[in-house]
N, C-alpha and C. Protein backbone atom coordinates (compact mmCIF):
# COMPACT_ATOMS: atom_id res chain seq x y z
N MET A 1 218.03 97.31 175.69
CA MET A 1 217.18 98.46 175.55
C MET A 1 216.19 98.20 174.42
N ASN A 2 214.92 98.51 174.66
CA ASN A 2 213.92 98.25 173.63
C ASN A 2 213.85 99.38 172.61
N SER A 3 213.13 99.13 171.54
CA SER A 3 213.08 100.09 170.44
C SER A 3 212.42 101.41 170.84
N LYS A 4 211.44 101.36 171.71
CA LYS A 4 210.78 102.60 172.16
C LYS A 4 211.77 103.48 172.91
N GLU A 5 212.58 102.89 173.76
CA GLU A 5 213.58 103.66 174.50
C GLU A 5 214.62 104.28 173.57
N LYS A 6 215.05 103.53 172.56
CA LYS A 6 215.99 104.07 171.56
C LYS A 6 215.36 105.24 170.81
N MET A 7 214.12 105.07 170.41
CA MET A 7 213.43 106.12 169.69
C MET A 7 213.35 107.38 170.54
N GLU A 8 213.02 107.23 171.82
CA GLU A 8 212.90 108.38 172.71
C GLU A 8 214.24 109.10 172.89
N ILE A 9 215.32 108.35 173.01
CA ILE A 9 216.65 108.95 173.13
C ILE A 9 216.97 109.75 171.86
N ALA A 10 216.68 109.17 170.72
CA ALA A 10 216.95 109.85 169.44
C ALA A 10 216.14 111.14 169.31
N VAL A 11 214.88 111.09 169.67
CA VAL A 11 214.02 112.27 169.57
C VAL A 11 214.53 113.38 170.49
N LYS A 12 214.87 113.04 171.71
CA LYS A 12 215.36 114.05 172.66
C LYS A 12 216.69 114.64 172.19
N ALA A 13 217.58 113.80 171.66
CA ALA A 13 218.86 114.30 171.16
C ALA A 13 218.66 115.23 169.98
N ALA A 14 217.78 114.86 169.07
CA ALA A 14 217.51 115.71 167.91
C ALA A 14 216.87 117.03 168.33
N ASP A 15 215.97 116.95 169.27
CA ASP A 15 215.30 118.16 169.77
C ASP A 15 216.31 119.09 170.44
N SER A 16 217.31 118.53 171.10
CA SER A 16 218.32 119.36 171.77
C SER A 16 219.13 120.18 170.78
N LYS A 17 219.16 119.75 169.51
CA LYS A 17 219.86 120.48 168.45
C LYS A 17 218.88 121.20 167.53
N HIS A 18 217.65 121.35 168.01
CA HIS A 18 216.61 122.13 167.32
C HIS A 18 216.24 121.56 165.95
N ALA A 19 216.14 120.25 165.86
CA ALA A 19 215.66 119.63 164.62
C ALA A 19 214.25 120.12 164.33
N ASN A 20 213.95 120.27 163.06
CA ASN A 20 212.62 120.74 162.64
C ASN A 20 211.66 119.57 162.47
N ASP A 21 210.44 119.78 162.91
CA ASP A 21 209.32 118.88 162.60
C ASP A 21 209.68 117.40 162.78
N ILE A 22 210.05 117.03 163.99
CA ILE A 22 210.37 115.62 164.27
C ILE A 22 209.08 114.82 164.22
N ASN A 23 209.11 113.76 163.44
CA ASN A 23 207.94 112.91 163.26
C ASN A 23 208.37 111.46 163.45
N VAL A 24 207.59 110.70 164.21
CA VAL A 24 207.90 109.30 164.43
C VAL A 24 206.74 108.45 163.91
N LEU A 25 207.09 107.48 163.09
CA LEU A 25 206.10 106.56 162.55
C LEU A 25 206.33 105.18 163.16
N ASN A 26 205.27 104.55 163.62
CA ASN A 26 205.35 103.18 164.11
C ASN A 26 205.16 102.28 162.89
N ILE A 27 206.25 101.75 162.38
CA ILE A 27 206.19 100.95 161.16
C ILE A 27 206.17 99.45 161.44
N SER A 28 206.08 99.07 162.71
CA SER A 28 206.16 97.66 163.08
C SER A 28 205.04 96.81 162.48
N GLU A 29 203.90 97.40 162.23
CA GLU A 29 202.78 96.63 161.66
C GLU A 29 202.77 96.67 160.14
N VAL A 30 203.61 97.54 159.57
CA VAL A 30 203.62 97.73 158.12
C VAL A 30 204.73 96.92 157.45
N ILE A 31 205.91 96.93 158.06
CA ILE A 31 207.05 96.17 157.55
C ILE A 31 207.78 95.52 158.72
N ILE A 32 208.58 94.53 158.43
CA ILE A 32 209.25 93.81 159.51
C ILE A 32 210.68 94.28 159.76
N MET A 33 211.17 95.23 158.97
CA MET A 33 212.58 95.62 159.10
C MET A 33 212.88 96.47 160.31
N ALA A 34 211.90 97.13 160.89
CA ALA A 34 212.13 97.99 162.05
C ALA A 34 210.80 98.26 162.75
N ASP A 35 210.89 98.88 163.93
CA ASP A 35 209.70 99.26 164.67
C ASP A 35 209.32 100.72 164.45
N TYR A 36 210.35 101.59 164.33
CA TYR A 36 210.09 103.03 164.20
C TYR A 36 210.94 103.66 163.11
N PHE A 37 210.35 104.61 162.42
CA PHE A 37 211.09 105.57 161.60
C PHE A 37 211.01 106.90 162.34
N VAL A 38 212.14 107.53 162.56
CA VAL A 38 212.20 108.87 163.14
C VAL A 38 212.66 109.78 162.02
N ILE A 39 211.82 110.76 161.68
CA ILE A 39 212.08 111.62 160.52
C ILE A 39 212.12 113.06 161.00
N MET A 40 213.12 113.80 160.51
CA MET A 40 213.27 115.21 160.89
C MET A 40 214.04 115.93 159.81
N ASP A 41 214.10 117.25 159.92
CA ASP A 41 214.92 118.00 158.99
C ASP A 41 215.60 119.15 159.71
N ALA A 42 216.51 119.78 158.98
CA ALA A 42 217.27 120.92 159.49
C ALA A 42 217.43 121.93 158.37
N SER A 43 217.63 123.18 158.74
CA SER A 43 217.68 124.24 157.73
C SER A 43 219.07 124.45 157.13
N SER A 44 220.07 123.73 157.62
CA SER A 44 221.40 123.82 157.01
C SER A 44 222.09 122.46 157.11
N GLN A 45 223.06 122.25 156.22
CA GLN A 45 223.78 120.99 156.28
C GLN A 45 224.61 120.89 157.56
N ARG A 46 225.07 122.02 158.05
CA ARG A 46 225.81 122.02 159.32
C ARG A 46 224.92 121.54 160.46
N GLN A 47 223.66 121.98 160.47
CA GLN A 47 222.73 121.55 161.51
C GLN A 47 222.41 120.06 161.35
N VAL A 48 222.30 119.59 160.11
CA VAL A 48 222.09 118.16 159.88
C VAL A 48 223.21 117.37 160.57
N GLY A 49 224.46 117.80 160.34
CA GLY A 49 225.60 117.13 160.96
C GLY A 49 225.57 117.19 162.47
N ALA A 50 225.17 118.33 163.03
CA ALA A 50 225.10 118.49 164.49
C ALA A 50 224.03 117.57 165.09
N ILE A 51 222.90 117.45 164.42
CA ILE A 51 221.83 116.58 164.89
C ILE A 51 222.30 115.13 164.88
N VAL A 52 222.89 114.72 163.77
CA VAL A 52 223.39 113.35 163.65
C VAL A 52 224.40 113.05 164.75
N GLN A 53 225.32 113.98 164.96
CA GLN A 53 226.35 113.76 165.99
C GLN A 53 225.73 113.66 167.38
N ALA A 54 224.75 114.50 167.67
CA ALA A 54 224.08 114.45 168.98
C ALA A 54 223.39 113.11 169.18
N ILE A 55 222.74 112.61 168.15
CA ILE A 55 222.07 111.30 168.26
C ILE A 55 223.10 110.20 168.48
N LEU A 56 224.17 110.22 167.70
CA LEU A 56 225.21 109.19 167.85
C LEU A 56 225.86 109.26 169.23
N ASP A 57 226.10 110.47 169.73
CA ASP A 57 226.69 110.63 171.06
C ASP A 57 225.79 110.02 172.14
N GLU A 58 224.50 110.30 172.05
CA GLU A 58 223.56 109.78 173.04
C GLU A 58 223.43 108.26 172.95
N MET A 59 223.47 107.74 171.75
CA MET A 59 223.41 106.28 171.60
C MET A 59 224.65 105.65 172.23
N GLY A 60 225.80 106.28 172.03
CA GLY A 60 227.04 105.78 172.65
C GLY A 60 226.98 105.81 174.16
N LYS A 61 226.45 106.90 174.73
CA LYS A 61 226.33 107.02 176.19
C LYS A 61 225.41 105.95 176.76
N ASN A 62 224.46 105.50 175.95
CA ASN A 62 223.49 104.51 176.41
C ASN A 62 223.80 103.10 175.90
N ASN A 63 225.01 102.91 175.38
CA ASN A 63 225.46 101.60 174.89
C ASN A 63 224.53 100.98 173.85
N VAL A 64 224.00 101.82 172.98
CA VAL A 64 223.14 101.34 171.90
C VAL A 64 224.02 101.06 170.68
N ASP A 65 223.88 99.88 170.12
CA ASP A 65 224.63 99.50 168.93
C ASP A 65 224.09 100.24 167.71
N VAL A 66 224.97 100.98 167.06
CA VAL A 66 224.60 101.67 165.83
C VAL A 66 225.00 100.75 164.68
N GLY A 67 224.01 100.27 163.96
CA GLY A 67 224.28 99.33 162.88
C GLY A 67 225.05 99.96 161.73
N HIS A 68 224.59 101.12 161.28
CA HIS A 68 225.20 101.74 160.11
C HIS A 68 224.75 103.19 160.03
N VAL A 69 225.63 104.03 159.53
CA VAL A 69 225.27 105.41 159.22
C VAL A 69 225.51 105.60 157.73
N GLU A 70 224.47 105.98 157.02
CA GLU A 70 224.54 106.17 155.58
C GLU A 70 224.51 107.66 155.28
N GLY A 71 225.52 108.14 154.59
CA GLY A 71 225.64 109.55 154.27
C GLY A 71 226.80 110.14 155.04
N LYS A 72 227.33 111.22 154.51
CA LYS A 72 228.46 111.89 155.15
C LYS A 72 227.99 113.15 155.84
N ARG A 73 228.85 113.71 156.63
CA ARG A 73 228.51 114.89 157.42
C ARG A 73 227.92 116.02 156.58
N ASP A 74 228.35 116.16 155.34
CA ASP A 74 227.84 117.23 154.48
C ASP A 74 226.72 116.77 153.54
N SER A 75 226.17 115.60 153.81
CA SER A 75 225.07 115.09 152.98
C SER A 75 223.76 115.80 153.29
N LYS A 76 222.83 115.70 152.37
CA LYS A 76 221.52 116.30 152.55
C LYS A 76 220.50 115.33 153.15
N TRP A 77 220.91 114.09 153.31
CA TRP A 77 220.06 113.07 153.94
C TRP A 77 221.00 112.07 154.59
N ILE A 78 220.90 111.94 155.88
CA ILE A 78 221.71 110.96 156.61
C ILE A 78 220.76 109.99 157.31
N LEU A 79 221.05 108.73 157.16
CA LEU A 79 220.24 107.67 157.76
C LEU A 79 221.08 106.99 158.84
N ILE A 80 220.50 106.84 160.00
CA ILE A 80 221.14 106.13 161.11
C ILE A 80 220.33 104.87 161.38
N ASP A 81 220.98 103.74 161.23
CA ASP A 81 220.31 102.44 161.41
C ASP A 81 220.65 101.90 162.80
N LEU A 82 219.64 101.85 163.65
CA LEU A 82 219.79 101.28 165.00
C LEU A 82 219.13 99.91 165.06
N HIS A 83 219.00 99.27 163.94
CA HIS A 83 218.40 97.95 163.76
C HIS A 83 216.88 98.02 163.84
N ASP A 84 216.31 98.30 165.00
CA ASP A 84 214.85 98.35 165.12
C ASP A 84 214.31 99.78 165.09
N VAL A 85 215.20 100.75 164.99
CA VAL A 85 214.83 102.16 164.83
C VAL A 85 215.69 102.73 163.71
N VAL A 86 215.04 103.36 162.75
CA VAL A 86 215.76 103.96 161.63
C VAL A 86 215.50 105.46 161.67
N ILE A 87 216.59 106.23 161.70
CA ILE A 87 216.49 107.67 161.85
C ILE A 87 216.88 108.33 160.53
N HIS A 88 216.04 109.24 160.07
CA HIS A 88 216.28 109.98 158.84
C HIS A 88 216.44 111.45 159.20
N VAL A 89 217.63 112.02 158.91
CA VAL A 89 217.86 113.43 159.15
C VAL A 89 218.08 114.08 157.78
N PHE A 90 217.16 114.95 157.41
CA PHE A 90 217.17 115.56 156.09
C PHE A 90 217.54 117.04 156.15
N PHE A 91 218.13 117.54 155.08
CA PHE A 91 218.14 118.96 154.79
C PHE A 91 216.71 119.26 154.35
N SER A 92 216.15 120.38 154.75
CA SER A 92 214.72 120.67 154.58
C SER A 92 214.19 120.39 153.18
N GLU A 93 214.89 120.85 152.16
CA GLU A 93 214.40 120.67 150.78
C GLU A 93 214.36 119.20 150.38
N GLU A 94 215.31 118.42 150.86
CA GLU A 94 215.34 117.00 150.54
C GLU A 94 214.15 116.28 151.19
N ARG A 95 213.81 116.67 152.39
CA ARG A 95 212.67 116.03 153.07
C ARG A 95 211.40 116.26 152.27
N ASP A 96 211.21 117.46 151.80
CA ASP A 96 210.03 117.76 150.99
C ASP A 96 210.00 116.92 149.73
N PHE A 97 211.15 116.73 149.11
CA PHE A 97 211.24 115.97 147.87
C PHE A 97 210.90 114.49 148.08
N TYR A 98 211.50 113.88 149.11
CA TYR A 98 211.30 112.44 149.32
C TYR A 98 210.00 112.11 150.05
N ASN A 99 209.52 113.00 150.89
CA ASN A 99 208.22 112.88 151.55
C ASN A 99 207.95 111.47 152.10
N LEU A 100 208.82 111.03 153.00
CA LEU A 100 208.68 109.68 153.57
C LEU A 100 207.37 109.47 154.31
N GLU A 101 206.87 110.53 154.93
CA GLU A 101 205.61 110.38 155.66
C GLU A 101 204.48 109.96 154.72
N LYS A 102 204.47 110.48 153.51
CA LYS A 102 203.44 110.08 152.54
C LYS A 102 203.71 108.66 152.05
N LEU A 103 204.97 108.35 151.80
CA LEU A 103 205.34 107.02 151.33
C LEU A 103 204.92 105.94 152.34
N TRP A 104 205.07 106.24 153.63
CA TRP A 104 204.75 105.29 154.70
C TRP A 104 203.45 105.71 155.42
N SER A 105 202.50 106.22 154.67
CA SER A 105 201.26 106.75 155.27
C SER A 105 200.42 105.68 155.96
N ASP A 106 200.68 104.41 155.70
CA ASP A 106 199.96 103.34 156.39
C ASP A 106 200.41 103.17 157.84
N ALA A 107 201.57 103.73 158.15
CA ALA A 107 202.12 103.60 159.51
C ALA A 107 201.57 104.72 160.40
N PRO A 108 201.07 104.38 161.58
CA PRO A 108 200.54 105.42 162.47
C PRO A 108 201.64 106.31 163.03
N GLU A 109 201.31 107.57 163.20
CA GLU A 109 202.23 108.52 163.80
C GLU A 109 202.22 108.35 165.32
N VAL A 110 203.40 108.47 165.93
CA VAL A 110 203.55 108.32 167.37
C VAL A 110 203.52 109.73 168.00
N ASP A 111 202.76 109.87 169.06
CA ASP A 111 202.72 111.15 169.79
C ASP A 111 204.00 111.30 170.58
N ILE A 112 204.80 112.31 170.21
CA ILE A 112 206.07 112.57 170.91
C ILE A 112 206.05 113.92 171.62
N SER A 113 204.87 114.47 171.82
CA SER A 113 204.76 115.81 172.40
C SER A 113 205.41 115.90 173.78
N ASN A 114 205.46 114.78 174.50
CA ASN A 114 206.08 114.79 175.83
C ASN A 114 207.61 114.69 175.76
N LEU A 115 208.16 114.49 174.55
CA LEU A 115 209.62 114.33 174.39
C LEU A 115 210.31 115.56 173.82
N VAL A 116 209.53 116.48 173.26
CA VAL A 116 210.11 117.65 172.59
C VAL A 116 209.67 118.93 173.26
N THR A 117 210.51 119.95 173.11
CA THR A 117 210.15 121.28 173.60
C THR A 117 209.40 122.01 172.49
N GLU A 118 208.59 122.94 172.86
CA GLU A 118 207.81 123.65 171.84
C GLU A 118 208.42 124.95 171.48
């Protein structure tokens, strides 16, 4: 499975749990460690955990190797490493503080409007 397909599965899974402001950056031209950063937040730590679990469940159903999960269920920032796709699930206040979109502003944003509900 290619990185775009993994990214799409992650976005759809996060959207199914009502993740806030899902943003995908194509970082393949900026750094060599991955192709996409998928960034989102949730309004409670419980929702952060639900989003992470939904993403992991979908990756399992699609036989995607999960390299590493950094952070615990009650963390304010959980990172899921799918090797070529890195997913960041934040508690809302933490996302504002770290502002990854600004940090990686050289990376173009990917249009995911066809993957999420409005």
